[in-house]
């Protein structure tokens, strides 16, 4: 989401380039503040829509809103995660299912919804992932279809549900990258693997 942390900073980065931006998260007041700052930083347009990525319908709603308000998409940057306890797994399957919906299924739902618009604009699909549960992904096929990651694989104790969602994310979009290349798609797909960053939510888990 764009209400804080990495998502907020990404919004400001695009604003510096004069982009037209649509941001989303659950907290309307925080989104409004981020949108106002984006305008002050140079964004041509900064709109927001509240959404809950654990919902079956909200991921599509966000993409449809952005396409309607902006007239299409040049970039879709997916960077949102659900809250997960930093502790040993205690068999909470329902929470793991919820986290998989937020951290994985909503990503692929939004990507699929946005692909027609991105195909028309020769745009980019950007997936923000994590160093935890990183997979091997190599550059192949079409030069405009690139993926940003390093060879390796990492897991950590106390993060079993989170790691499982990132493993699914990396595996799915790594495969989709090859499929887009095989179809000679116009869409550039980048999977960005981040290391440890001291965001507010990350620090809360290790205090």
N, C-alpha and C. Protein backbone atom coordinates (compact mmCIF):
# COMPACT_ATOMS: atom_id res chain seq x y z
N UNK A 1 0.81 -1.19 0.00
CA UNK A 1 0.00 0.00 0.00
C UNK A 1 0.85 1.26 0.00
N UNK A 2 0.24 2.38 -0.33
CA UNK A 2 0.99 3.63 -0.48
C UNK A 2 0.81 4.59 0.69
N UNK A 3 0.23 4.12 1.78
CA UNK A 3 -0.01 5.03 2.90
C UNK A 3 1.21 5.21 3.79
N UNK A 4 2.20 4.32 3.67
CA UNK A 4 3.42 4.43 4.48
C UNK A 4 4.51 3.57 3.86
N UNK A 5 5.70 3.67 4.43
CA UNK A 5 6.79 2.77 4.07
C UNK A 5 7.25 2.87 2.63
N UNK A 6 7.58 1.71 2.06
CA UNK A 6 8.13 1.64 0.71
C UNK A 6 7.14 2.17 -0.31
N UNK A 7 5.87 1.82 -0.17
CA UNK A 7 4.86 2.28 -1.11
C UNK A 7 4.73 3.79 -1.14
N UNK A 8 4.77 4.41 0.02
CA UNK A 8 4.71 5.87 0.10
C UNK A 8 5.90 6.50 -0.61
N UNK A 9 7.09 5.97 -0.36
CA UNK A 9 8.29 6.53 -0.98
C UNK A 9 8.30 6.32 -2.49
N UNK A 10 7.76 5.20 -2.95
CA UNK A 10 7.64 4.97 -4.39
C UNK A 10 6.73 6.01 -5.03
N UNK A 11 5.65 6.34 -4.35
CA UNK A 11 4.73 7.36 -4.87
C UNK A 11 5.45 8.70 -5.01
N UNK A 12 6.25 9.06 -4.02
CA UNK A 12 6.99 10.33 -4.08
C UNK A 12 8.03 10.30 -5.20
N UNK A 13 8.63 9.14 -5.42
CA UNK A 13 9.63 9.01 -6.49
C UNK A 13 8.98 9.29 -7.85
N UNK A 14 7.83 8.69 -8.10
CA UNK A 14 7.14 8.93 -9.37
C UNK A 14 6.65 10.38 -9.47
N UNK A 15 6.27 10.95 -8.34
CA UNK A 15 5.81 12.34 -8.33
C UNK A 15 6.92 13.28 -8.79
N UNK A 16 8.16 13.02 -8.38
CA UNK A 16 9.29 13.86 -8.78
C UNK A 16 9.44 13.90 -10.31
N UNK A 17 8.99 12.84 -10.98
CA UNK A 17 9.10 12.78 -12.44
C UNK A 17 7.87 13.35 -13.14
N UNK A 18 6.96 13.92 -12.37
CA UNK A 18 5.78 14.52 -12.96
C UNK A 18 4.74 13.53 -13.44
N UNK A 19 4.70 12.37 -12.83
CA UNK A 19 3.77 11.32 -13.26
C UNK A 19 2.34 11.63 -12.83
N UNK A 20 1.41 10.97 -13.47
CA UNK A 20 0.03 10.93 -13.01
C UNK A 20 -0.13 9.65 -12.20
N UNK A 21 -0.57 9.77 -10.96
CA UNK A 21 -0.48 8.67 -10.00
C UNK A 21 -1.84 8.33 -9.42
N UNK A 22 -2.09 7.04 -9.26
CA UNK A 22 -3.19 6.55 -8.44
C UNK A 22 -2.60 5.67 -7.36
N UNK A 23 -2.90 5.97 -6.11
CA UNK A 23 -2.37 5.19 -4.99
C UNK A 23 -3.52 4.56 -4.22
N UNK A 24 -3.20 3.49 -3.51
CA UNK A 24 -4.24 2.80 -2.74
C UNK A 24 -3.70 2.25 -1.43
N UNK A 25 -4.56 2.14 -0.47
CA UNK A 25 -4.30 1.51 0.83
C UNK A 25 -5.64 1.48 1.55
N UNK A 26 -5.64 1.06 2.79
CA UNK A 26 -6.91 0.99 3.54
C UNK A 26 -7.24 2.30 4.25
N UNK A 27 -6.22 3.10 4.59
CA UNK A 27 -6.43 4.29 5.43
C UNK A 27 -6.60 5.54 4.56
N UNK A 28 -7.82 6.06 4.51
CA UNK A 28 -8.12 7.18 3.62
C UNK A 28 -7.37 8.45 4.01
N UNK A 29 -7.33 8.76 5.29
CA UNK A 29 -6.67 10.00 5.72
C UNK A 29 -5.19 9.99 5.35
N UNK A 30 -4.53 8.86 5.56
CA UNK A 30 -3.12 8.76 5.20
C UNK A 30 -2.92 8.88 3.70
N UNK A 31 -3.80 8.25 2.93
CA UNK A 31 -3.72 8.34 1.47
C UNK A 31 -3.88 9.77 1.00
N UNK A 32 -4.81 10.49 1.59
CA UNK A 32 -5.04 11.88 1.21
C UNK A 32 -3.79 12.72 1.44
N UNK A 33 -3.11 12.49 2.55
CA UNK A 33 -1.88 13.23 2.86
C UNK A 33 -0.77 12.90 1.86
N UNK A 34 -0.66 11.62 1.51
CA UNK A 34 0.36 11.21 0.54
C UNK A 34 0.06 11.83 -0.83
N UNK A 35 -1.21 11.81 -1.23
CA UNK A 35 -1.59 12.39 -2.52
C UNK A 35 -1.28 13.88 -2.58
N UNK A 36 -1.56 14.58 -1.50
CA UNK A 36 -1.27 16.02 -1.45
C UNK A 36 0.23 16.29 -1.56
N UNK A 37 1.03 15.47 -0.90
CA UNK A 37 2.48 15.65 -0.99
C UNK A 37 2.98 15.33 -2.39
N UNK A 38 2.39 14.31 -3.03
CA UNK A 38 2.77 13.99 -4.40
C UNK A 38 2.56 15.19 -5.33
N UNK A 39 1.44 15.88 -5.15
CA UNK A 39 1.17 17.06 -5.97
C UNK A 39 2.19 18.15 -5.70
N UNK A 40 2.57 18.31 -4.44
CA UNK A 40 3.56 19.34 -4.10
C UNK A 40 4.94 19.01 -4.65
N UNK A 41 5.20 17.72 -4.88
CA UNK A 41 6.50 17.29 -5.41
C UNK A 41 6.55 17.33 -6.93
N UNK A 42 5.41 17.58 -7.57
CA UNK A 42 5.42 17.73 -9.02
C UNK A 42 4.56 16.76 -9.80
N UNK A 43 3.80 15.91 -9.14
CA UNK A 43 2.91 15.00 -9.86
C UNK A 43 1.88 15.80 -10.65
N UNK A 44 1.63 15.40 -11.91
CA UNK A 44 0.60 16.05 -12.71
C UNK A 44 -0.79 15.81 -12.12
N UNK A 45 -0.96 14.63 -11.58
CA UNK A 45 -2.24 14.23 -10.99
C UNK A 45 -1.94 13.21 -9.91
N UNK A 46 -2.64 13.28 -8.78
CA UNK A 46 -2.46 12.32 -7.70
C UNK A 46 -3.82 11.98 -7.10
N UNK A 47 -4.29 10.81 -7.43
CA UNK A 47 -5.60 10.35 -6.97
C UNK A 47 -5.41 9.17 -6.02
N UNK A 48 -6.42 8.91 -5.22
CA UNK A 48 -6.33 7.75 -4.33
C UNK A 48 -7.67 7.04 -4.26
N UNK A 49 -7.61 5.77 -3.92
CA UNK A 49 -8.80 4.96 -3.71
C UNK A 49 -8.52 3.99 -2.57
N UNK A 50 -9.41 3.95 -1.61
CA UNK A 50 -9.23 3.01 -0.50
C UNK A 50 -9.61 1.61 -0.96
N UNK A 51 -8.87 0.63 -0.47
CA UNK A 51 -9.14 -0.75 -0.85
C UNK A 51 -8.55 -1.70 0.18
N UNK A 52 -9.16 -2.86 0.28
CA UNK A 52 -8.70 -3.93 1.16
C UNK A 52 -8.32 -5.11 0.28
N UNK A 53 -7.05 -5.45 0.23
CA UNK A 53 -6.59 -6.48 -0.67
C UNK A 53 -6.94 -7.90 -0.22
N UNK A 54 -7.56 -8.03 0.95
CA UNK A 54 -8.08 -9.33 1.35
C UNK A 54 -9.46 -9.58 0.75
N UNK A 55 -10.02 -8.56 0.12
CA UNK A 55 -11.32 -8.66 -0.54
C UNK A 55 -11.16 -9.29 -1.92
N UNK A 56 -12.17 -10.04 -2.35
CA UNK A 56 -12.13 -10.64 -3.68
C UNK A 56 -12.32 -9.60 -4.78
N UNK A 57 -13.03 -8.51 -4.48
CA UNK A 57 -13.40 -7.55 -5.51
C UNK A 57 -12.52 -6.30 -5.56
N UNK A 58 -11.90 -5.93 -4.44
CA UNK A 58 -11.15 -4.67 -4.40
C UNK A 58 -9.95 -4.62 -5.33
N UNK A 59 -9.19 -5.70 -5.53
CA UNK A 59 -8.07 -5.61 -6.47
C UNK A 59 -8.50 -5.17 -7.87
N UNK A 60 -9.58 -5.76 -8.38
CA UNK A 60 -10.10 -5.35 -9.69
C UNK A 60 -10.59 -3.91 -9.65
N UNK A 61 -11.23 -3.53 -8.56
CA UNK A 61 -11.78 -2.18 -8.42
C UNK A 61 -10.68 -1.13 -8.54
N UNK A 62 -9.53 -1.39 -7.94
CA UNK A 62 -8.43 -0.42 -7.97
C UNK A 62 -7.90 -0.25 -9.39
N UNK A 63 -7.69 -1.35 -10.08
CA UNK A 63 -7.18 -1.27 -11.46
C UNK A 63 -8.18 -0.56 -12.36
N UNK A 64 -9.44 -0.92 -12.24
CA UNK A 64 -10.47 -0.28 -13.07
C UNK A 64 -10.54 1.23 -12.81
N UNK A 65 -10.42 1.62 -11.55
CA UNK A 65 -10.43 3.04 -11.19
C UNK A 65 -9.26 3.77 -11.84
N UNK A 66 -8.07 3.17 -11.77
CA UNK A 66 -6.88 3.80 -12.32
C UNK A 66 -6.97 3.94 -13.84
N UNK A 67 -7.43 2.89 -14.50
CA UNK A 67 -7.55 2.93 -15.96
C UNK A 67 -8.56 3.99 -16.38
N UNK A 68 -9.68 4.08 -15.66
CA UNK A 68 -10.71 5.07 -15.98
C UNK A 68 -10.22 6.49 -15.76
N UNK A 69 -9.59 6.75 -14.62
CA UNK A 69 -9.19 8.11 -14.27
C UNK A 69 -7.97 8.58 -15.05
N UNK A 70 -7.08 7.67 -15.41
CA UNK A 70 -5.86 8.05 -16.10
C UNK A 70 -5.93 7.82 -17.60
N UNK A 71 -6.96 7.11 -18.05
CA UNK A 71 -7.08 6.82 -19.47
C UNK A 71 -6.20 5.67 -19.92
N UNK A 72 -5.69 4.91 -18.99
CA UNK A 72 -4.80 3.79 -19.30
C UNK A 72 -3.67 3.73 -18.29
N UNK A 73 -2.82 2.73 -18.43
CA UNK A 73 -1.71 2.55 -17.50
C UNK A 73 -0.39 2.43 -18.25
N UNK A 74 0.63 3.11 -17.75
CA UNK A 74 2.00 2.91 -18.22
C UNK A 74 2.78 2.01 -17.27
N UNK A 75 2.49 2.12 -15.98
CA UNK A 75 3.14 1.30 -14.95
C UNK A 75 2.08 0.80 -13.98
N UNK A 76 2.24 -0.44 -13.56
CA UNK A 76 1.51 -0.94 -12.40
C UNK A 76 2.56 -1.45 -11.42
N UNK A 77 2.66 -0.78 -10.27
CA UNK A 77 3.63 -1.16 -9.24
C UNK A 77 2.86 -1.80 -8.09
N UNK A 78 3.11 -3.06 -7.83
CA UNK A 78 2.41 -3.79 -6.78
C UNK A 78 3.33 -3.96 -5.58
N UNK A 79 2.93 -3.33 -4.48
CA UNK A 79 3.76 -3.33 -3.27
C UNK A 79 2.85 -3.22 -2.05
N UNK A 80 2.31 -4.35 -1.64
CA UNK A 80 1.48 -4.34 -0.43
C UNK A 80 1.62 -5.69 0.26
N UNK A 81 1.54 -5.67 1.58
CA UNK A 81 1.60 -6.91 2.35
C UNK A 81 0.61 -6.84 3.50
N UNK A 82 0.17 -8.00 3.91
CA UNK A 82 -0.69 -8.10 5.08
C UNK A 82 0.13 -8.25 6.34
N UNK A 83 -0.47 -7.93 7.45
CA UNK A 83 0.22 -8.03 8.74
C UNK A 83 0.40 -9.49 9.13
N UNK A 84 1.60 -9.80 9.63
CA UNK A 84 1.90 -11.17 10.04
C UNK A 84 2.77 -11.13 11.28
N UNK A 85 2.44 -11.96 12.26
CA UNK A 85 3.21 -12.00 13.50
C UNK A 85 4.61 -12.55 13.27
N UNK A 86 5.59 -11.95 13.94
CA UNK A 86 6.97 -12.44 13.90
C UNK A 86 7.11 -13.45 15.03
N UNK A 87 6.73 -14.69 14.75
CA UNK A 87 6.72 -15.72 15.80
C UNK A 87 6.68 -17.10 15.16
N UNK A 88 6.91 -18.13 15.97
CA UNK A 88 6.81 -19.49 15.47
C UNK A 88 5.37 -19.76 15.01
N UNK A 89 5.26 -20.54 13.94
CA UNK A 89 3.93 -20.85 13.42
C UNK A 89 3.19 -21.77 14.37
N UNK A 90 1.95 -21.40 14.70
CA UNK A 90 1.14 -22.16 15.65
C UNK A 90 -0.04 -22.86 14.98
N UNK A 91 0.06 -23.07 13.68
CA UNK A 91 -0.98 -23.80 12.98
C UNK A 91 -2.19 -22.99 12.59
N UNK A 92 -2.06 -21.67 12.53
CA UNK A 92 -3.19 -20.82 12.16
C UNK A 92 -3.36 -20.82 10.64
N UNK A 93 -4.09 -21.80 10.15
CA UNK A 93 -4.28 -21.95 8.71
C UNK A 93 -5.12 -20.82 8.14
N UNK A 94 -6.12 -20.37 8.87
CA UNK A 94 -7.00 -19.31 8.36
C UNK A 94 -6.22 -18.01 8.14
N UNK A 95 -5.33 -17.68 9.08
CA UNK A 95 -4.52 -16.47 8.89
C UNK A 95 -3.59 -16.63 7.70
N UNK A 96 -3.03 -17.83 7.53
CA UNK A 96 -2.14 -18.08 6.40
C UNK A 96 -2.90 -17.93 5.08
N UNK A 97 -4.14 -18.41 5.03
CA UNK A 97 -4.97 -18.23 3.83
C UNK A 97 -5.23 -16.75 3.57
N UNK A 98 -5.53 -16.01 4.64
CA UNK A 98 -5.76 -14.57 4.50
C UNK A 98 -4.52 -13.87 3.98
N UNK A 99 -3.36 -14.23 4.53
CA UNK A 99 -2.11 -13.61 4.11
C UNK A 99 -1.79 -13.95 2.66
N UNK A 100 -2.09 -15.18 2.25
CA UNK A 100 -1.87 -15.57 0.87
C UNK A 100 -2.75 -14.75 -0.08
N UNK A 101 -3.97 -14.45 0.33
CA UNK A 101 -4.85 -13.61 -0.48
C UNK A 101 -4.26 -12.21 -0.64
N UNK A 102 -3.80 -11.62 0.45
CA UNK A 102 -3.27 -10.26 0.40
C UNK A 102 -1.93 -10.20 -0.33
N UNK A 103 -1.02 -11.09 0.01
CA UNK A 103 0.35 -11.01 -0.48
C UNK A 103 0.56 -11.69 -1.83
N UNK A 104 -0.38 -12.52 -2.25
CA UNK A 104 -0.18 -13.26 -3.50
C UNK A 104 -1.37 -13.15 -4.46
N UNK A 105 -2.53 -13.65 -4.06
CA UNK A 105 -3.66 -13.71 -4.99
C UNK A 105 -4.08 -12.33 -5.48
N UNK A 106 -4.05 -11.32 -4.62
CA UNK A 106 -4.42 -9.97 -5.06
C UNK A 106 -3.43 -9.44 -6.10
N UNK A 107 -2.16 -9.83 -5.98
CA UNK A 107 -1.15 -9.42 -6.96
C UNK A 107 -1.47 -9.97 -8.34
N UNK A 108 -1.74 -11.28 -8.40
CA UNK A 108 -1.97 -11.87 -9.72
C UNK A 108 -3.31 -11.40 -10.29
N UNK A 109 -4.27 -11.11 -9.43
CA UNK A 109 -5.56 -10.58 -9.88
C UNK A 109 -5.39 -9.20 -10.50
N UNK A 110 -4.63 -8.33 -9.84
CA UNK A 110 -4.41 -6.98 -10.36
C UNK A 110 -3.57 -7.00 -11.62
N UNK A 111 -2.57 -7.87 -11.65
CA UNK A 111 -1.72 -7.98 -12.84
C UNK A 111 -2.54 -8.40 -14.06
N UNK A 112 -3.39 -9.40 -13.88
CA UNK A 112 -4.21 -9.87 -15.00
C UNK A 112 -5.16 -8.78 -15.47
N UNK A 113 -5.74 -8.06 -14.54
CA UNK A 113 -6.68 -6.99 -14.89
C UNK A 113 -5.99 -5.88 -15.67
N UNK A 114 -4.73 -5.62 -15.33
CA UNK A 114 -4.00 -4.49 -15.92
C UNK A 114 -3.29 -4.84 -17.22
N UNK A 115 -3.07 -6.11 -17.50
CA UNK A 115 -2.27 -6.49 -18.66
C UNK A 115 -2.78 -5.93 -19.99
N UNK A 116 -4.09 -5.94 -20.27
CA UNK A 116 -4.54 -5.36 -21.54
C UNK A 116 -4.14 -3.90 -21.72
N UNK A 117 -4.28 -3.10 -20.66
CA UNK A 117 -3.90 -1.69 -20.74
C UNK A 117 -2.40 -1.54 -20.89
N UNK A 118 -1.63 -2.33 -20.15
CA UNK A 118 -0.17 -2.27 -20.25
C UNK A 118 0.31 -2.73 -21.62
N UNK A 119 -0.37 -3.69 -22.20
CA UNK A 119 -0.01 -4.16 -23.54
C UNK A 119 -0.17 -3.03 -24.56
N UNK A 120 -1.24 -2.27 -24.44
CA UNK A 120 -1.49 -1.17 -25.36
C UNK A 120 -0.44 -0.07 -25.23
N UNK A 121 -0.02 0.21 -24.00
CA UNK A 121 0.92 1.31 -23.77
C UNK A 121 2.38 0.88 -23.82
N UNK A 122 2.62 -0.42 -24.05
CA UNK A 122 3.97 -0.98 -23.94
C UNK A 122 4.54 -0.65 -22.56
N UNK A 123 3.71 -0.89 -21.57
CA UNK A 123 4.03 -0.49 -20.21
C UNK A 123 4.79 -1.52 -19.41
N UNK A 124 4.88 -1.25 -18.12
CA UNK A 124 5.69 -2.07 -17.21
C UNK A 124 4.88 -2.55 -16.02
N UNK A 125 5.09 -3.80 -15.68
CA UNK A 125 4.52 -4.41 -14.49
C UNK A 125 5.66 -4.62 -13.50
N UNK A 126 5.57 -3.98 -12.34
CA UNK A 126 6.64 -4.02 -11.35
C UNK A 126 6.12 -4.70 -10.09
N UNK A 127 6.78 -5.78 -9.70
CA UNK A 127 6.39 -6.55 -8.52
C UNK A 127 7.46 -6.38 -7.46
N UNK A 128 7.09 -5.84 -6.31
CA UNK A 128 8.04 -5.67 -5.22
C UNK A 128 7.97 -6.90 -4.32
N UNK A 129 9.08 -7.63 -4.26
CA UNK A 129 9.14 -8.84 -3.46
C UNK A 129 10.13 -8.65 -2.32
N UNK A 130 10.71 -9.73 -1.84
CA UNK A 130 11.54 -9.67 -0.64
C UNK A 130 12.71 -10.63 -0.77
N UNK A 131 13.79 -10.31 -0.05
CA UNK A 131 14.95 -11.19 -0.01
C UNK A 131 14.58 -12.54 0.58
N UNK A 132 13.61 -12.56 1.49
CA UNK A 132 13.15 -13.83 2.04
C UNK A 132 12.44 -14.61 0.96
N UNK A 133 12.85 -15.84 0.76
CA UNK A 133 12.31 -16.75 -0.23
C UNK A 133 12.54 -16.21 -1.64
N UNK A 134 13.79 -15.85 -1.90
CA UNK A 134 14.19 -15.41 -3.23
C UNK A 134 14.48 -16.62 -4.09
N UNK A 135 14.11 -16.58 -5.36
CA UNK A 135 14.33 -17.71 -6.24
C UNK A 135 15.23 -17.32 -7.39
N UNK A 136 15.74 -18.32 -8.11
CA UNK A 136 16.64 -18.09 -9.23
C UNK A 136 15.83 -17.63 -10.44
N UNK A 137 16.17 -16.45 -10.95
CA UNK A 137 15.52 -15.92 -12.14
C UNK A 137 16.59 -15.30 -13.02
N UNK A 138 16.68 -15.74 -14.26
CA UNK A 138 17.73 -15.26 -15.15
C UNK A 138 17.12 -14.46 -16.29
N UNK A 139 17.87 -13.52 -16.84
CA UNK A 139 17.42 -12.75 -17.99
C UNK A 139 17.50 -13.63 -19.23
N UNK A 140 16.37 -13.71 -19.96
CA UNK A 140 16.32 -14.49 -21.19
C UNK A 140 15.35 -13.83 -22.16
N UNK A 141 15.33 -14.36 -23.38
CA UNK A 141 14.36 -13.97 -24.40
C UNK A 141 14.41 -12.49 -24.75
N UNK A 142 13.29 -11.80 -24.63
CA UNK A 142 13.13 -10.44 -25.16
C UNK A 142 13.80 -9.42 -24.25
N UNK A 143 14.66 -8.54 -24.79
CA UNK A 143 15.36 -7.56 -23.96
C UNK A 143 14.44 -6.65 -23.15
N UNK A 144 13.26 -6.31 -23.69
CA UNK A 144 12.37 -5.40 -22.96
C UNK A 144 11.67 -6.08 -21.80
N UNK A 145 11.78 -7.41 -21.74
CA UNK A 145 11.19 -8.14 -20.62
C UNK A 145 12.31 -8.52 -19.67
N UNK A 146 12.51 -7.71 -18.66
CA UNK A 146 13.65 -7.92 -17.78
C UNK A 146 13.17 -8.18 -16.37
N UNK A 147 14.02 -8.84 -15.61
CA UNK A 147 13.66 -9.13 -14.24
C UNK A 147 14.84 -8.79 -13.35
N UNK A 148 14.61 -8.12 -12.25
CA UNK A 148 15.68 -7.66 -11.38
C UNK A 148 15.73 -8.52 -10.13
N UNK A 149 16.71 -9.42 -10.08
CA UNK A 149 16.88 -10.24 -8.89
C UNK A 149 18.25 -10.88 -8.94
N UNK A 150 18.63 -11.48 -7.85
CA UNK A 150 19.90 -12.18 -7.78
C UNK A 150 19.64 -13.65 -7.54
N UNK A 151 20.63 -14.46 -7.93
CA UNK A 151 20.51 -15.88 -7.70
C UNK A 151 20.59 -16.16 -6.22
N UNK A 152 19.68 -16.99 -5.72
CA UNK A 152 19.73 -17.34 -4.31
C UNK A 152 18.39 -17.73 -3.77
N UNK A 153 18.38 -18.11 -2.52
CA UNK A 153 17.14 -18.49 -1.85
C UNK A 153 17.34 -18.31 -0.37
N UNK A 154 16.41 -17.65 0.29
CA UNK A 154 16.59 -17.35 1.70
C UNK A 154 15.27 -17.48 2.44
N UNK A 155 15.32 -18.15 3.57
CA UNK A 155 14.16 -18.20 4.46
C UNK A 155 14.62 -17.80 5.85
N UNK A 156 13.67 -17.65 6.75
CA UNK A 156 14.01 -17.20 8.09
C UNK A 156 13.02 -17.81 9.08
N UNK A 157 13.45 -18.11 10.30
CA UNK A 157 12.48 -18.57 11.30
C UNK A 157 11.51 -17.44 11.65
N UNK A 158 10.38 -17.83 12.19
CA UNK A 158 9.34 -16.91 12.67
C UNK A 158 8.58 -16.20 11.54
N UNK A 159 8.81 -16.62 10.30
CA UNK A 159 8.15 -15.95 9.16
C UNK A 159 7.56 -16.95 8.17
N UNK A 160 7.15 -18.13 8.64
CA UNK A 160 6.70 -19.19 7.73
C UNK A 160 5.57 -18.75 6.80
N UNK A 161 4.47 -18.16 7.29
CA UNK A 161 3.41 -17.74 6.37
C UNK A 161 3.89 -16.67 5.38
N UNK A 162 4.66 -15.71 5.88
CA UNK A 162 5.17 -14.64 5.02
C UNK A 162 6.07 -15.21 3.92
N UNK A 163 7.00 -16.09 4.31
CA UNK A 163 7.91 -16.69 3.32
C UNK A 163 7.14 -17.48 2.27
N UNK A 164 6.08 -18.16 2.69
CA UNK A 164 5.30 -18.94 1.73
C UNK A 164 4.64 -18.04 0.69
N UNK A 165 4.18 -16.86 1.11
CA UNK A 165 3.55 -15.95 0.16
C UNK A 165 4.57 -15.39 -0.83
N UNK A 166 5.77 -15.10 -0.35
CA UNK A 166 6.80 -14.56 -1.24
C UNK A 166 7.31 -15.62 -2.19
N UNK A 167 7.38 -16.87 -1.73
CA UNK A 167 7.77 -17.96 -2.61
C UNK A 167 6.77 -18.10 -3.75
N UNK A 168 5.47 -18.03 -3.42
CA UNK A 168 4.43 -18.10 -4.45
C UNK A 168 4.54 -16.93 -5.41
N UNK A 169 4.78 -15.74 -4.87
CA UNK A 169 4.89 -14.53 -5.69
C UNK A 169 6.05 -14.65 -6.67
N UNK A 170 7.20 -15.03 -6.17
CA UNK A 170 8.38 -15.15 -7.03
C UNK A 170 8.20 -16.23 -8.08
N UNK A 171 7.63 -17.37 -7.68
CA UNK A 171 7.43 -18.45 -8.63
C UNK A 171 6.45 -18.09 -9.72
N UNK A 172 5.34 -17.48 -9.35
CA UNK A 172 4.32 -17.14 -10.34
C UNK A 172 4.83 -16.12 -11.34
N UNK A 173 5.38 -15.01 -10.84
CA UNK A 173 5.79 -13.95 -11.76
C UNK A 173 7.07 -14.31 -12.51
N UNK A 174 7.89 -15.20 -11.94
CA UNK A 174 9.03 -15.71 -12.70
C UNK A 174 8.56 -16.51 -13.90
N UNK A 175 7.51 -17.31 -13.71
CA UNK A 175 6.94 -18.08 -14.81
C UNK A 175 6.22 -17.18 -15.81
N UNK A 176 5.46 -16.21 -15.30
CA UNK A 176 4.74 -15.28 -16.18
C UNK A 176 5.71 -14.49 -17.05
N UNK A 177 6.85 -14.14 -16.48
CA UNK A 177 7.89 -13.44 -17.24
C UNK A 177 8.25 -14.21 -18.50
N UNK A 178 8.47 -15.51 -18.36
CA UNK A 178 8.82 -16.34 -19.51
C UNK A 178 7.65 -16.44 -20.50
N UNK A 179 6.44 -16.56 -19.97
CA UNK A 179 5.27 -16.66 -20.86
C UNK A 179 5.07 -15.38 -21.67
N UNK A 180 5.26 -14.23 -21.05
CA UNK A 180 5.15 -12.97 -21.78
C UNK A 180 6.22 -12.87 -22.86
N UNK A 181 7.42 -13.34 -22.53
CA UNK A 181 8.50 -13.31 -23.50
C UNK A 181 8.20 -14.23 -24.68
N UNK A 182 7.68 -15.40 -24.40
CA UNK A 182 7.35 -16.36 -25.47
C UNK A 182 6.28 -15.81 -26.40
N UNK A 183 5.38 -14.99 -25.87
CA UNK A 183 4.32 -14.38 -26.69
C UNK A 183 4.78 -13.08 -27.34
N UNK A 184 6.04 -12.70 -27.09
CA UNK A 184 6.57 -11.43 -27.58
C UNK A 184 5.69 -10.26 -27.14
N UNK A 185 5.34 -10.29 -25.89
CA UNK A 185 4.49 -9.25 -25.31
C UNK A 185 5.21 -7.91 -25.28
N UNK A 186 4.42 -6.84 -25.31
CA UNK A 186 4.97 -5.49 -25.18
C UNK A 186 5.24 -5.12 -23.73
N UNK A 187 4.81 -5.95 -22.79
CA UNK A 187 4.87 -5.60 -21.38
C UNK A 187 6.21 -5.99 -20.77
N UNK A 188 6.85 -5.04 -20.10
CA UNK A 188 8.08 -5.29 -19.35
C UNK A 188 7.70 -5.71 -17.94
N UNK A 189 8.27 -6.83 -17.48
CA UNK A 189 7.99 -7.31 -16.13
C UNK A 189 9.27 -7.28 -15.31
N UNK A 190 9.23 -6.60 -14.18
CA UNK A 190 10.38 -6.53 -13.28
C UNK A 190 9.97 -7.03 -11.90
N UNK A 191 10.71 -8.00 -11.39
CA UNK A 191 10.51 -8.50 -10.04
C UNK A 191 11.63 -7.96 -9.18
N UNK A 192 11.31 -7.05 -8.29
CA UNK A 192 12.31 -6.34 -7.49
C UNK A 192 12.46 -7.02 -6.13
N UNK A 193 13.64 -7.52 -5.86
CA UNK A 193 13.90 -8.23 -4.61
C UNK A 193 14.61 -7.31 -3.64
N UNK A 194 13.92 -6.96 -2.57
CA UNK A 194 14.46 -6.00 -1.60
C UNK A 194 15.11 -6.72 -0.43
N UNK A 195 16.14 -6.11 0.10
CA UNK A 195 16.77 -6.62 1.31
C UNK A 195 16.05 -6.12 2.55
N UNK A 196 16.74 -6.10 3.67
CA UNK A 196 16.14 -5.66 4.92
C UNK A 196 16.09 -4.14 4.96
N UNK A 197 14.90 -3.59 5.16
CA UNK A 197 14.70 -2.14 5.18
C UNK A 197 13.97 -1.79 6.48
N UNK A 198 14.46 -0.75 7.14
CA UNK A 198 13.90 -0.41 8.46
C UNK A 198 12.64 0.44 8.35
N UNK A 199 11.62 -0.12 7.69
CA UNK A 199 10.33 0.56 7.66
C UNK A 199 9.67 0.43 9.03
N UNK A 200 8.67 1.27 9.25
CA UNK A 200 7.98 1.26 10.55
C UNK A 200 7.40 -0.11 10.87
N UNK A 201 6.75 -0.73 9.87
CA UNK A 201 6.13 -2.03 10.12
C UNK A 201 7.16 -3.12 10.38
N UNK A 202 8.31 -3.03 9.70
CA UNK A 202 9.36 -4.03 9.92
C UNK A 202 9.96 -3.90 11.30
N UNK A 203 10.18 -2.68 11.74
CA UNK A 203 10.78 -2.46 13.05
C UNK A 203 9.86 -2.90 14.19
N UNK A 204 8.55 -2.77 13.98
CA UNK A 204 7.60 -3.19 15.01
C UNK A 204 7.71 -4.68 15.31
N UNK A 205 8.11 -5.47 14.30
CA UNK A 205 8.16 -6.91 14.45
C UNK A 205 9.40 -7.40 15.19
N UNK A 206 10.43 -6.55 15.27
CA UNK A 206 11.68 -7.01 15.88
C UNK A 206 12.00 -6.30 17.19
N UNK A 207 11.11 -5.44 17.66
CA UNK A 207 11.35 -4.75 18.93
C UNK A 207 11.18 -5.70 20.11
